[in-house]
């Protein structure tokens, strides 16, 4: 829990109001802070949301389980200056095994079942890192965490509804080496 609190504090201090890059003169990552250093914070209010996903009271959620074609969509646009490998961390509420997944991808629509993010069940809102099921199963995702190789420039994070999990915020972070 200490790491989660430190991550949230680092994100809040790094980007106070909108999705933007951290200053280029920021201290280089160290072994102790590299895992939690955020480049971008994306509030859910920055997403373009389509039903059946809804944005209510600062939370994106979907009322029922759907297949990929029937799920709602939330699209976040963001820009990175430095090409590299990135991970996505989110503040989510995934209260039960039947309410703990989304479809996720960057720059292209997610594919079923490879790009399902199976979220470890939470007790209220907790930080989780995006993984992909790949060739794994609901209990054992193949890509944990999922590392996204991003070029410098604009990108789109696409989250599609699958189960009634809730999403409060997103952080795009450099992947630990």
N, C-alpha and C. Protein backbone atom coordinates (compact mmCIF):
# COMPACT_ATOMS: atom_id res chain seq x y z
N UNK A 1 0.82 -1.18 0.00
CA UNK A 1 0.00 0.00 0.00
C UNK A 1 0.87 1.25 0.00
N UNK A 2 2.06 1.18 0.64
CA UNK A 2 2.95 2.32 0.67
C UNK A 2 3.37 2.70 -0.74
N UNK A 3 3.67 1.73 -1.61
CA UNK A 3 4.04 2.01 -2.99
C UNK A 3 2.90 2.67 -3.73
N UNK A 4 1.66 2.21 -3.53
CA UNK A 4 0.51 2.81 -4.19
C UNK A 4 0.34 4.25 -3.78
N UNK A 5 0.49 4.55 -2.49
CA UNK A 5 0.35 5.91 -2.01
C UNK A 5 1.44 6.79 -2.59
N UNK A 6 2.67 6.29 -2.62
CA UNK A 6 3.77 7.05 -3.20
C UNK A 6 3.53 7.31 -4.68
N UNK A 7 3.01 6.32 -5.40
CA UNK A 7 2.72 6.49 -6.83
C UNK A 7 1.68 7.58 -7.03
N UNK A 8 0.60 7.53 -6.26
CA UNK A 8 -0.46 8.53 -6.41
C UNK A 8 0.05 9.92 -6.08
N UNK A 9 0.85 10.05 -5.04
CA UNK A 9 1.42 11.34 -4.68
C UNK A 9 2.34 11.84 -5.79
N UNK A 10 3.20 10.96 -6.32
CA UNK A 10 4.11 11.36 -7.39
C UNK A 10 3.34 11.81 -8.62
N UNK A 11 2.28 11.11 -8.95
CA UNK A 11 1.47 11.49 -10.10
C UNK A 11 0.78 12.82 -9.87
N UNK A 12 0.24 13.02 -8.68
CA UNK A 12 -0.47 14.27 -8.39
C UNK A 12 0.48 15.46 -8.43
N UNK A 13 1.69 15.29 -7.94
CA UNK A 13 2.65 16.38 -7.94
C UNK A 13 3.26 16.61 -9.31
N UNK A 14 3.43 15.54 -10.10
CA UNK A 14 4.07 15.67 -11.41
C UNK A 14 3.21 16.41 -12.40
N UNK A 15 1.91 16.19 -12.39
CA UNK A 15 1.01 16.80 -13.37
C UNK A 15 -0.24 17.27 -12.63
N UNK A 16 -0.27 18.54 -12.19
CA UNK A 16 -1.36 18.96 -11.34
C UNK A 16 -2.71 19.16 -12.00
N UNK A 17 -2.79 19.48 -13.30
CA UNK A 17 -4.10 19.83 -13.81
C UNK A 17 -4.55 19.10 -15.05
N UNK A 18 -3.67 18.75 -15.94
CA UNK A 18 -4.10 18.08 -17.16
C UNK A 18 -3.02 17.15 -17.65
N UNK A 19 -3.35 16.40 -18.70
CA UNK A 19 -2.40 15.43 -19.24
C UNK A 19 -1.29 16.17 -19.96
N UNK A 20 -0.10 16.16 -19.37
CA UNK A 20 1.05 16.78 -19.99
C UNK A 20 2.29 16.06 -19.50
N UNK A 21 3.39 16.26 -20.19
CA UNK A 21 4.62 15.57 -19.83
C UNK A 21 5.28 16.20 -18.62
N UNK A 22 5.99 15.40 -17.88
CA UNK A 22 6.78 15.90 -16.77
C UNK A 22 7.91 16.75 -17.34
N UNK A 23 8.42 17.70 -16.57
CA UNK A 23 9.50 18.56 -17.06
C UNK A 23 10.71 17.74 -17.48
N UNK A 24 11.40 18.21 -18.51
CA UNK A 24 12.56 17.47 -19.01
C UNK A 24 13.74 17.57 -18.06
N UNK A 25 13.74 18.54 -17.15
CA UNK A 25 14.84 18.67 -16.21
C UNK A 25 14.57 17.94 -14.90
N UNK A 26 13.57 17.07 -14.88
CA UNK A 26 13.27 16.29 -13.68
C UNK A 26 14.44 15.38 -13.35
N UNK A 27 14.59 15.07 -12.09
CA UNK A 27 15.67 14.19 -11.66
C UNK A 27 15.56 12.84 -12.35
N UNK A 28 16.70 12.27 -12.76
CA UNK A 28 16.64 10.96 -13.41
C UNK A 28 16.12 9.91 -12.46
N UNK A 29 15.44 8.87 -13.01
CA UNK A 29 14.90 7.83 -12.14
C UNK A 29 16.01 7.08 -11.42
N UNK A 30 15.72 6.66 -10.20
CA UNK A 30 16.64 5.83 -9.44
C UNK A 30 15.97 4.49 -9.22
N UNK A 31 16.70 3.57 -8.64
CA UNK A 31 16.13 2.24 -8.39
C UNK A 31 14.89 2.35 -7.51
N UNK A 32 14.86 3.33 -6.60
CA UNK A 32 13.73 3.42 -5.68
C UNK A 32 12.53 4.14 -6.27
N UNK A 33 12.71 5.03 -7.26
CA UNK A 33 11.56 5.77 -7.77
C UNK A 33 11.19 5.45 -9.20
N UNK A 34 11.96 4.66 -9.90
CA UNK A 34 11.72 4.40 -11.31
C UNK A 34 10.36 3.73 -11.54
N UNK A 35 9.95 2.84 -10.68
CA UNK A 35 8.71 2.10 -10.86
C UNK A 35 7.50 3.03 -10.74
N UNK A 36 7.59 4.09 -9.96
CA UNK A 36 6.40 4.91 -9.71
C UNK A 36 6.43 6.26 -10.44
N UNK A 37 7.45 6.56 -11.20
CA UNK A 37 7.55 7.86 -11.85
C UNK A 37 6.59 7.92 -13.04
N UNK A 38 5.61 8.80 -12.98
CA UNK A 38 4.62 8.94 -14.05
C UNK A 38 5.04 10.00 -15.05
N UNK A 39 4.76 9.75 -16.31
CA UNK A 39 4.99 10.74 -17.34
C UNK A 39 3.72 11.55 -17.55
N UNK A 40 2.60 10.86 -17.63
CA UNK A 40 1.32 11.51 -17.90
C UNK A 40 0.24 11.02 -16.96
N UNK A 41 -0.57 11.94 -16.49
CA UNK A 41 -1.79 11.58 -15.76
C UNK A 41 -2.95 11.91 -16.68
N UNK A 42 -3.87 10.98 -16.85
CA UNK A 42 -5.04 11.18 -17.69
C UNK A 42 -6.30 11.03 -16.84
N UNK A 43 -6.92 12.14 -16.46
CA UNK A 43 -8.17 12.02 -15.71
C UNK A 43 -9.26 11.45 -16.61
N UNK A 44 -10.21 10.74 -16.04
CA UNK A 44 -11.26 10.14 -16.86
C UNK A 44 -12.08 11.20 -17.58
N UNK A 45 -12.11 12.41 -17.05
CA UNK A 45 -12.85 13.49 -17.71
C UNK A 45 -12.22 13.87 -19.05
N UNK A 46 -10.97 13.45 -19.30
CA UNK A 46 -10.31 13.74 -20.57
C UNK A 46 -10.71 12.76 -21.67
N UNK A 47 -11.42 11.69 -21.33
CA UNK A 47 -11.78 10.66 -22.31
C UNK A 47 -13.03 11.05 -23.09
N UNK A 48 -13.08 10.59 -24.33
CA UNK A 48 -14.32 10.61 -25.10
C UNK A 48 -14.97 9.26 -24.83
N UNK A 49 -16.17 9.27 -24.23
CA UNK A 49 -16.81 8.05 -23.74
C UNK A 49 -18.07 7.77 -24.54
N UNK A 50 -18.21 6.51 -24.99
CA UNK A 50 -19.41 6.05 -25.71
C UNK A 50 -20.10 4.95 -24.91
N UNK A 51 -21.43 4.96 -24.93
CA UNK A 51 -22.26 3.98 -24.22
C UNK A 51 -22.03 2.57 -24.77
N UNK A 52 -22.16 1.56 -23.91
CA UNK A 52 -22.73 1.62 -22.57
C UNK A 52 -21.75 2.02 -21.47
N UNK A 53 -20.48 2.36 -21.79
CA UNK A 53 -19.64 2.98 -20.76
C UNK A 53 -20.22 4.35 -20.46
N UNK A 54 -20.14 4.76 -19.21
CA UNK A 54 -20.62 6.07 -18.81
C UNK A 54 -19.58 6.73 -17.90
N UNK A 55 -19.57 8.04 -17.93
CA UNK A 55 -18.73 8.83 -17.03
C UNK A 55 -19.66 9.53 -16.06
N UNK A 56 -19.62 9.10 -14.79
CA UNK A 56 -20.48 9.65 -13.76
C UNK A 56 -19.67 9.90 -12.50
N UNK A 57 -19.75 11.11 -11.98
CA UNK A 57 -19.05 11.46 -10.72
C UNK A 57 -17.57 11.12 -10.76
N UNK A 58 -16.91 11.40 -11.88
CA UNK A 58 -15.46 11.17 -11.99
C UNK A 58 -15.05 9.72 -12.13
N UNK A 59 -15.98 8.85 -12.54
CA UNK A 59 -15.68 7.43 -12.69
C UNK A 59 -16.27 6.93 -14.00
N UNK A 60 -15.48 6.18 -14.75
CA UNK A 60 -15.98 5.50 -15.95
C UNK A 60 -16.35 4.09 -15.56
N UNK A 61 -17.56 3.67 -15.95
CA UNK A 61 -18.01 2.32 -15.63
C UNK A 61 -19.00 1.85 -16.68
N UNK A 62 -19.29 0.58 -16.63
CA UNK A 62 -20.27 -0.03 -17.52
C UNK A 62 -21.21 -0.86 -16.65
N UNK A 63 -22.52 -0.72 -16.84
CA UNK A 63 -23.46 -1.37 -15.91
C UNK A 63 -23.55 -2.88 -16.01
N UNK A 64 -23.15 -3.46 -17.13
CA UNK A 64 -23.29 -4.91 -17.27
C UNK A 64 -22.15 -5.48 -18.11
N UNK A 65 -22.00 -6.80 -18.06
CA UNK A 65 -20.97 -7.48 -18.84
C UNK A 65 -21.38 -7.54 -20.30
N UNK A 66 -20.41 -7.32 -21.20
CA UNK A 66 -20.66 -7.39 -22.64
C UNK A 66 -19.49 -8.07 -23.34
N UNK A 67 -19.72 -8.44 -24.55
CA UNK A 67 -18.63 -8.88 -25.42
C UNK A 67 -17.98 -7.63 -26.00
N UNK A 68 -16.88 -7.79 -26.71
CA UNK A 68 -16.15 -6.66 -27.26
C UNK A 68 -17.05 -5.78 -28.13
N UNK A 69 -17.81 -6.38 -29.03
CA UNK A 69 -18.64 -5.61 -29.96
C UNK A 69 -19.73 -4.80 -29.25
N UNK A 70 -20.18 -5.25 -28.08
CA UNK A 70 -21.25 -4.55 -27.37
C UNK A 70 -20.77 -3.65 -26.26
N UNK A 71 -19.47 -3.60 -26.04
CA UNK A 71 -18.93 -2.78 -24.95
C UNK A 71 -18.83 -1.32 -25.32
N UNK A 72 -18.88 -0.47 -24.32
CA UNK A 72 -18.67 0.95 -24.54
C UNK A 72 -17.19 1.22 -24.77
N UNK A 73 -16.88 2.46 -25.12
CA UNK A 73 -15.50 2.80 -25.44
C UNK A 73 -15.13 4.13 -24.79
N UNK A 74 -13.93 4.18 -24.24
CA UNK A 74 -13.34 5.42 -23.72
C UNK A 74 -12.01 5.61 -24.44
N UNK A 75 -11.84 6.76 -25.07
CA UNK A 75 -10.62 7.04 -25.82
C UNK A 75 -9.92 8.25 -25.20
N UNK A 76 -8.67 8.03 -24.80
CA UNK A 76 -7.82 9.08 -24.24
C UNK A 76 -6.76 9.42 -25.27
N UNK A 77 -6.59 10.69 -25.59
CA UNK A 77 -5.52 11.13 -26.49
C UNK A 77 -4.40 11.69 -25.63
N UNK A 78 -3.16 11.28 -25.94
CA UNK A 78 -2.01 11.76 -25.18
C UNK A 78 -0.80 11.82 -26.08
N UNK A 79 0.23 12.54 -25.64
CA UNK A 79 1.46 12.72 -26.43
C UNK A 79 2.66 12.43 -25.53
N UNK A 80 3.62 11.69 -26.09
CA UNK A 80 4.90 11.49 -25.40
C UNK A 80 6.00 12.10 -26.26
N UNK A 81 6.99 12.67 -25.62
CA UNK A 81 8.11 13.26 -26.37
C UNK A 81 9.20 12.25 -26.62
N UNK A 82 9.32 11.29 -25.73
CA UNK A 82 10.40 10.31 -25.85
C UNK A 82 9.86 8.95 -26.25
N UNK A 83 10.41 8.40 -27.32
CA UNK A 83 10.05 7.04 -27.72
C UNK A 83 10.55 6.08 -26.65
N UNK A 84 9.83 4.98 -26.47
CA UNK A 84 10.27 3.99 -25.50
C UNK A 84 9.16 3.06 -25.09
N UNK A 85 9.45 2.22 -24.10
CA UNK A 85 8.48 1.29 -23.56
C UNK A 85 7.77 1.94 -22.38
N UNK A 86 6.45 1.83 -22.38
CA UNK A 86 5.62 2.43 -21.34
C UNK A 86 4.65 1.40 -20.79
N UNK A 87 4.25 1.59 -19.54
CA UNK A 87 3.19 0.79 -18.92
C UNK A 87 2.07 1.74 -18.55
N UNK A 88 0.89 1.17 -18.39
CA UNK A 88 -0.28 1.95 -18.02
C UNK A 88 -0.74 1.49 -16.65
N UNK A 89 -0.88 2.46 -15.75
CA UNK A 89 -1.38 2.17 -14.42
C UNK A 89 -2.71 2.90 -14.26
N UNK A 90 -3.59 2.31 -13.51
CA UNK A 90 -4.91 2.90 -13.35
C UNK A 90 -5.40 2.75 -11.93
N UNK A 91 -6.23 3.70 -11.52
CA UNK A 91 -6.93 3.60 -10.26
C UNK A 91 -8.29 3.00 -10.58
N UNK A 92 -8.51 1.75 -10.14
CA UNK A 92 -9.71 1.00 -10.52
C UNK A 92 -10.40 0.41 -9.31
N UNK A 93 -11.70 0.16 -9.49
CA UNK A 93 -12.47 -0.60 -8.52
C UNK A 93 -12.96 -1.84 -9.26
N UNK A 94 -12.46 -2.99 -8.88
CA UNK A 94 -12.81 -4.28 -9.49
C UNK A 94 -13.28 -5.18 -8.35
N UNK A 95 -14.55 -5.04 -7.93
CA UNK A 95 -14.99 -5.63 -6.67
C UNK A 95 -15.22 -7.13 -6.65
N UNK A 96 -15.28 -7.79 -7.81
CA UNK A 96 -15.57 -9.23 -7.82
C UNK A 96 -15.05 -9.84 -9.11
N UNK A 97 -14.96 -11.17 -9.14
CA UNK A 97 -14.46 -11.88 -10.33
C UNK A 97 -15.31 -11.64 -11.58
N UNK A 98 -16.57 -11.25 -11.41
CA UNK A 98 -17.41 -10.97 -12.58
C UNK A 98 -17.53 -9.47 -12.84
N UNK A 99 -16.65 -8.69 -12.22
CA UNK A 99 -16.64 -7.23 -12.40
C UNK A 99 -15.20 -6.72 -12.32
N UNK A 100 -14.30 -7.33 -13.12
CA UNK A 100 -12.88 -6.98 -12.98
C UNK A 100 -12.09 -7.05 -14.28
N UNK A 101 -12.69 -6.59 -15.38
CA UNK A 101 -11.89 -6.58 -16.61
C UNK A 101 -12.37 -5.52 -17.59
N UNK A 102 -11.42 -5.08 -18.41
CA UNK A 102 -11.67 -4.20 -19.54
C UNK A 102 -10.89 -4.77 -20.72
N UNK A 103 -11.20 -4.29 -21.92
CA UNK A 103 -10.34 -4.50 -23.09
C UNK A 103 -9.49 -3.23 -23.20
N UNK A 104 -8.18 -3.38 -23.52
CA UNK A 104 -7.29 -2.22 -23.56
C UNK A 104 -6.30 -2.36 -24.71
N UNK A 105 -6.04 -1.24 -25.40
CA UNK A 105 -4.97 -1.18 -26.38
C UNK A 105 -4.59 0.28 -26.62
N UNK A 106 -3.45 0.46 -27.27
CA UNK A 106 -2.99 1.79 -27.66
C UNK A 106 -2.91 1.84 -29.17
N UNK A 107 -3.50 2.88 -29.75
CA UNK A 107 -3.44 3.21 -31.18
C UNK A 107 -4.21 2.27 -32.11
N UNK A 108 -4.93 1.31 -31.59
CA UNK A 108 -5.78 0.43 -32.39
C UNK A 108 -6.83 -0.18 -31.47
N UNK A 109 -7.97 -0.54 -32.02
CA UNK A 109 -8.99 -1.17 -31.17
C UNK A 109 -8.47 -2.47 -30.55
N UNK A 110 -8.87 -2.77 -29.31
CA UNK A 110 -8.46 -4.02 -28.67
C UNK A 110 -9.06 -5.22 -29.40
N UNK A 111 -8.39 -6.36 -29.25
CA UNK A 111 -8.85 -7.62 -29.84
C UNK A 111 -9.21 -8.59 -28.71
N UNK A 112 -10.24 -9.38 -28.97
CA UNK A 112 -10.73 -10.36 -28.00
C UNK A 112 -10.21 -11.74 -28.39
N UNK A 113 -9.66 -12.51 -27.49
CA UNK A 113 -9.48 -12.31 -26.05
C UNK A 113 -8.09 -11.82 -25.67
N UNK A 114 -7.19 -11.65 -26.64
CA UNK A 114 -5.78 -11.36 -26.34
C UNK A 114 -5.58 -10.09 -25.53
N UNK A 115 -6.42 -9.07 -25.75
CA UNK A 115 -6.20 -7.77 -25.13
C UNK A 115 -7.16 -7.50 -23.97
N UNK A 116 -7.60 -8.57 -23.32
CA UNK A 116 -8.39 -8.41 -22.10
C UNK A 116 -7.43 -8.12 -20.95
N UNK A 117 -7.77 -7.11 -20.16
CA UNK A 117 -7.03 -6.80 -18.95
C UNK A 117 -7.82 -7.38 -17.78
N UNK A 118 -7.34 -8.50 -17.23
CA UNK A 118 -7.95 -9.14 -16.07
C UNK A 118 -7.36 -8.49 -14.83
N UNK A 119 -8.19 -7.76 -14.11
CA UNK A 119 -7.73 -6.98 -12.96
C UNK A 119 -7.88 -7.81 -11.69
N UNK A 120 -6.82 -7.84 -10.90
CA UNK A 120 -6.91 -8.49 -9.59
C UNK A 120 -8.00 -7.78 -8.79
N UNK A 121 -8.87 -8.54 -8.16
CA UNK A 121 -9.99 -7.97 -7.40
C UNK A 121 -9.47 -6.97 -6.38
N UNK A 122 -10.19 -5.85 -6.24
CA UNK A 122 -9.80 -4.78 -5.34
C UNK A 122 -10.78 -4.66 -4.18
N UNK A 123 -10.37 -3.92 -3.19
CA UNK A 123 -11.24 -3.56 -2.06
C UNK A 123 -11.42 -2.05 -2.16
N UNK A 124 -12.37 -1.59 -2.97
CA UNK A 124 -12.51 -0.17 -3.29
C UNK A 124 -11.55 0.18 -4.41
N UNK A 125 -11.26 1.47 -4.56
CA UNK A 125 -10.35 1.90 -5.63
C UNK A 125 -8.91 1.65 -5.21
N UNK A 126 -8.17 0.92 -6.08
CA UNK A 126 -6.77 0.62 -5.86
C UNK A 126 -6.02 0.74 -7.18
N UNK A 127 -4.73 0.98 -7.07
CA UNK A 127 -3.89 1.08 -8.27
C UNK A 127 -3.60 -0.32 -8.82
N UNK A 128 -3.72 -0.47 -10.14
CA UNK A 128 -3.37 -1.71 -10.82
C UNK A 128 -2.66 -1.35 -12.12
N UNK A 129 -1.76 -2.22 -12.57
CA UNK A 129 -1.04 -2.04 -13.82
C UNK A 129 -1.69 -2.90 -14.90
N UNK A 130 -1.87 -2.33 -16.08
CA UNK A 130 -2.52 -3.03 -17.18
C UNK A 130 -1.67 -4.23 -17.62
N UNK A 131 -2.34 -5.35 -17.78
CA UNK A 131 -1.76 -6.55 -18.36
C UNK A 131 -2.66 -7.00 -19.51
N UNK A 132 -2.18 -7.92 -20.29
CA UNK A 132 -2.98 -8.50 -21.37
C UNK A 132 -3.09 -10.00 -21.15
N UNK A 133 -4.26 -10.55 -21.40
CA UNK A 133 -4.46 -11.98 -21.28
C UNK A 133 -3.58 -12.73 -22.26
N UNK A 134 -3.45 -12.24 -23.51
CA UNK A 134 -2.65 -12.95 -24.51
C UNK A 134 -3.13 -14.37 -24.67
N UNK A 135 -2.22 -15.33 -24.53
CA UNK A 135 -2.58 -16.75 -24.63
C UNK A 135 -2.83 -17.36 -23.25
N UNK A 136 -2.88 -16.50 -22.23
CA UNK A 136 -3.15 -16.97 -20.88
C UNK A 136 -4.64 -17.16 -20.66
N UNK A 137 -5.04 -17.12 -19.39
CA UNK A 137 -6.45 -17.24 -19.06
C UNK A 137 -6.80 -16.24 -17.97
N UNK A 138 -8.04 -16.29 -17.51
CA UNK A 138 -8.53 -15.32 -16.54
C UNK A 138 -7.67 -15.26 -15.27
N UNK A 139 -7.03 -16.34 -14.91
CA UNK A 139 -6.21 -16.38 -13.70
C UNK A 139 -4.72 -16.18 -13.97
N UNK A 140 -4.33 -16.10 -15.23
CA UNK A 140 -2.91 -16.04 -15.56
C UNK A 140 -2.69 -15.32 -16.89
N UNK A 141 -2.69 -13.96 -16.83
CA UNK A 141 -2.42 -13.19 -18.05
C UNK A 141 -1.00 -13.47 -18.54
N UNK A 142 -0.83 -13.47 -19.85
CA UNK A 142 0.48 -13.71 -20.45
C UNK A 142 1.40 -12.50 -20.32
N UNK A 143 0.87 -11.29 -20.45
CA UNK A 143 1.69 -10.08 -20.44
C UNK A 143 1.38 -9.25 -19.19
N UNK A 144 2.24 -9.41 -18.16
CA UNK A 144 2.05 -8.70 -16.90
C UNK A 144 3.38 -8.11 -16.46
N UNK A 145 3.56 -6.82 -16.50
CA UNK A 145 2.65 -5.84 -17.09
C UNK A 145 2.76 -5.85 -18.61
N UNK A 146 1.79 -5.27 -19.27
CA UNK A 146 1.87 -5.10 -20.72
C UNK A 146 2.71 -3.86 -20.98
N UNK A 147 3.78 -4.05 -21.75
CA UNK A 147 4.67 -2.94 -22.13
C UNK A 147 4.26 -2.48 -23.53
N UNK A 148 3.99 -1.21 -23.66
CA UNK A 148 3.61 -0.63 -24.95
C UNK A 148 4.81 0.13 -25.50
N UNK A 149 5.28 -0.23 -26.69
CA UNK A 149 6.38 0.46 -27.34
C UNK A 149 5.77 1.64 -28.09
N UNK A 150 6.06 2.86 -27.61
CA UNK A 150 5.47 4.06 -28.18
C UNK A 150 6.54 4.92 -28.86
N UNK A 151 6.20 5.43 -30.01
CA UNK A 151 7.07 6.41 -30.68
C UNK A 151 6.78 7.77 -30.09
N UNK A 152 7.70 8.71 -30.29
CA UNK A 152 7.44 10.08 -29.86
C UNK A 152 6.26 10.60 -30.67
N UNK A 153 5.35 11.31 -30.01
CA UNK A 153 4.20 11.87 -30.71
C UNK A 153 2.88 11.51 -30.05
N UNK A 154 1.81 11.75 -30.81
CA UNK A 154 0.45 11.56 -30.30
C UNK A 154 0.02 10.09 -30.36
N UNK A 155 -0.76 9.68 -29.38
CA UNK A 155 -1.27 8.31 -29.28
C UNK A 155 -2.69 8.33 -28.74
N UNK A 156 -3.39 7.21 -28.90
CA UNK A 156 -4.73 7.04 -28.36
C UNK A 156 -4.76 5.77 -27.51
N UNK A 157 -5.18 5.94 -26.26
CA UNK A 157 -5.43 4.81 -25.38
C UNK A 157 -6.90 4.48 -25.52
N UNK A 158 -7.20 3.23 -25.89
CA UNK A 158 -8.59 2.80 -26.10
C UNK A 158 -8.93 1.75 -25.04
N UNK A 159 -9.93 2.08 -24.23
CA UNK A 159 -10.43 1.17 -23.21
C UNK A 159 -11.87 0.86 -23.56
N UNK A 160 -12.17 -0.42 -23.66
CA UNK A 160 -13.54 -0.84 -23.98
C UNK A 160 -14.10 -1.65 -22.82
N UNK A 161 -15.39 -1.44 -22.59
CA UNK A 161 -16.05 -2.12 -21.49
C UNK A 161 -16.17 -3.61 -21.73
N UNK A 162 -16.05 -4.38 -20.67
CA UNK A 162 -16.23 -5.83 -20.71
C UNK A 162 -17.08 -6.29 -19.53
N UNK A 163 -16.70 -5.83 -18.34
CA UNK A 163 -17.43 -6.16 -17.11
C UNK A 163 -17.64 -4.86 -16.33
N UNK A 164 -18.50 -4.88 -15.32
CA UNK A 164 -18.79 -3.65 -14.58
C UNK A 164 -17.71 -3.22 -13.58
N UNK A 165 -16.48 -3.15 -14.01
CA UNK A 165 -15.40 -2.56 -13.20
C UNK A 165 -15.48 -1.04 -13.35
N UNK A 166 -14.80 -0.33 -12.47
CA UNK A 166 -14.81 1.13 -12.50
C UNK A 166 -13.39 1.67 -12.65
N UNK A 167 -13.27 2.77 -13.39
CA UNK A 167 -11.98 3.39 -13.70
C UNK A 167 -12.01 4.85 -13.27
N UNK A 168 -11.02 5.26 -12.45
CA UNK A 168 -11.00 6.63 -11.93
C UNK A 168 -9.90 7.49 -12.54
N UNK A 169 -8.73 6.93 -12.82
CA UNK A 169 -7.65 7.70 -13.44
C UNK A 169 -6.66 6.76 -14.11
N UNK A 170 -5.87 7.35 -15.01
CA UNK A 170 -4.88 6.60 -15.79
C UNK A 170 -3.54 7.31 -15.67
N UNK A 171 -2.46 6.56 -15.60
CA UNK A 171 -1.11 7.11 -15.64
C UNK A 171 -0.31 6.34 -16.69
N UNK A 172 0.36 7.08 -17.56
CA UNK A 172 1.24 6.48 -18.56
C UNK A 172 2.65 6.66 -17.99
N UNK A 173 3.35 5.56 -17.75
CA UNK A 173 4.65 5.59 -17.04
C UNK A 173 5.71 4.88 -17.85
N UNK A 174 6.96 5.32 -17.74
CA UNK A 174 8.04 4.58 -18.39
C UNK A 174 8.14 3.19 -17.76
N UNK A 175 8.37 2.19 -18.60
CA UNK A 175 8.52 0.82 -18.10
C UNK A 175 9.86 0.72 -17.37
N UNK A 176 9.87 0.01 -16.27
CA UNK A 176 11.11 -0.23 -15.54
C UNK A 176 12.03 -1.07 -16.40
N UNK A 177 13.31 -0.79 -16.36
CA UNK A 177 14.27 -1.54 -17.16
C UNK A 177 14.76 -2.74 -16.41
